[in-house]
Protein backbone atom coordinates (compact mmCIF):
# COMPACT_ATOMS: atom_id res chain seq x y z
CA MET A 1 -88.02 75.16 28.89
CA ARG A 2 -84.83 73.34 28.20
CA ILE A 3 -84.65 69.91 26.61
CA LEU A 4 -81.85 67.84 28.10
CA ILE A 5 -81.57 65.21 25.38
CA GLY A 6 -77.93 66.03 24.63
CA GLU A 7 -76.83 65.65 28.23
CA ASN A 8 -78.87 62.46 28.52
CA ILE A 9 -77.40 60.89 25.39
CA LYS A 10 -73.91 61.67 26.63
CA ARG A 11 -74.62 60.28 30.11
CA LEU A 12 -76.32 57.14 28.79
CA ARG A 13 -73.56 56.56 26.23
CA LYS A 14 -70.91 56.79 28.91
CA GLU A 15 -72.89 54.46 31.19
CA LYS A 16 -72.88 51.91 28.35
CA LYS A 17 -69.13 52.54 27.99
CA ILE A 18 -69.32 53.18 24.26
CA THR A 19 -67.70 55.89 22.17
CA GLN A 20 -69.41 58.51 20.07
CA GLU A 21 -68.11 56.64 17.03
CA THR A 22 -69.74 53.38 18.15
CA LEU A 23 -73.06 55.12 18.74
CA ALA A 24 -72.78 56.89 15.39
CA ASP A 25 -72.08 53.61 13.58
CA TYR A 26 -75.02 51.90 15.27
CA PHE A 27 -77.45 54.62 14.12
CA ASN A 28 -75.77 55.22 10.77
CA VAL A 29 -74.96 58.87 11.50
CA SER A 30 -71.65 60.68 11.63
CA THR A 31 -69.55 60.97 14.77
CA ALA A 32 -69.90 64.74 14.30
CA ALA A 33 -73.69 64.37 14.52
CA VAL A 34 -73.42 62.55 17.86
CA SER A 35 -71.01 65.20 19.10
CA LYS A 36 -73.46 67.95 18.09
CA TRP A 37 -76.28 66.16 19.92
CA GLU A 38 -74.20 65.88 23.07
CA ASN A 39 -73.15 69.53 22.89
CA ASN A 40 -76.74 70.71 22.32
CA GLU A 41 -75.90 72.15 18.92
CA THR A 42 -78.54 69.99 17.23
CA TYR A 43 -81.11 67.35 18.18
CA PRO A 44 -81.35 63.86 16.76
CA ASP A 45 -83.83 63.40 13.94
CA ILE A 46 -87.29 62.69 15.33
CA THR A 47 -87.24 59.25 13.69
CA LEU A 48 -84.29 58.31 15.90
CA LEU A 49 -85.95 59.11 19.24
CA PHE A 50 -87.64 55.75 19.72
CA PRO A 51 -84.61 53.75 18.51
CA LEU A 52 -82.31 55.79 20.79
CA ALA A 53 -84.61 55.29 23.78
CA ASN A 54 -84.81 51.58 23.01
CA PHE A 55 -81.04 51.32 22.59
CA PHE A 56 -80.45 52.93 25.98
CA LYS A 57 -83.39 51.05 27.59
CA VAL A 58 -85.15 54.25 28.70
CA SER A 59 -88.47 55.87 27.82
CA ILE A 60 -88.60 58.69 25.29
CA ASP A 61 -89.67 60.98 28.14
CA GLU A 62 -86.55 60.05 30.08
CA LEU A 63 -84.39 60.47 27.00
CA MET A 64 -85.80 63.95 26.31
CA ARG A 65 -86.28 64.99 29.96
CA TYR A 66 -87.33 68.59 30.00
CA ASP A 67 -85.86 70.81 32.67
CA TYR A 68 -89.21 71.70 34.24
CA MET A 69 -87.67 73.50 37.22
CA THR A 70 -85.84 75.94 34.96
CA PHE A 71 -89.04 76.47 32.99
CA GLU A 72 -91.07 77.10 36.17
CA ASN A 73 -88.45 79.53 37.51
CA GLU A 74 -88.33 81.43 34.21
CA LEU A 75 -92.13 81.61 34.15
CA LYS A 76 -92.28 83.00 37.70
CA LYS A 77 -89.63 85.59 36.84
CA VAL A 78 -91.47 86.77 33.72
CA LYS A 79 -94.79 86.93 35.58
CA SER A 80 -93.17 89.03 38.29
CA GLU A 81 -91.56 91.38 35.76
CA ILE A 82 -94.86 91.88 33.92
CA HIS A 83 -96.73 92.40 37.19
CA ASN A 84 -94.20 94.99 38.39
CA ALA A 85 -94.16 96.82 35.07
CA TRP A 86 -97.96 96.93 34.92
CA TYR A 87 -98.96 97.63 38.52
CA PHE A 88 -96.01 99.37 40.11
CA ASP A 89 -94.30 101.22 37.27
CA ASN A 90 -97.49 101.89 35.27
CA ASP A 91 -95.37 101.07 32.24
CA TRP A 92 -97.91 99.34 30.04
CA GLN A 93 -95.62 99.31 27.03
CA LYS A 94 -92.94 97.48 29.00
CA ALA A 95 -95.49 94.98 30.33
CA TYR A 96 -96.77 94.40 26.81
CA LEU A 97 -93.25 93.83 25.43
CA LEU A 98 -92.37 91.45 28.28
CA ALA A 99 -95.53 89.44 27.66
CA LYS A 100 -94.95 89.43 23.89
CA ASN A 101 -91.32 88.29 24.30
CA ALA A 102 -92.32 85.56 26.77
CA ARG A 103 -94.94 84.30 24.36
CA ASN A 104 -92.39 84.02 21.54
CA LYS A 105 -89.95 81.90 23.53
């Protein structure tokens, strides 16, 4: 599952026609921090989620917006790989490792 907060912050910031520096000043963070958020290198501190959502006039859910379709597609792919390894290839070790790796994601 992919969290799209960085893309959303960037899009919402541009819709408001403000710079990264202006957003950084408003939330008392560095411009580099805003840049890292927008480039998905880091996430904003959890204490900033509500203020960010309020600032952009969106819900926290909309600000975070998970990429459910990607998650669902990845889940279907893993299920299929495990099924094939278990039932068709009789490779129980491979099925086990696929399941274990999927669980750790």
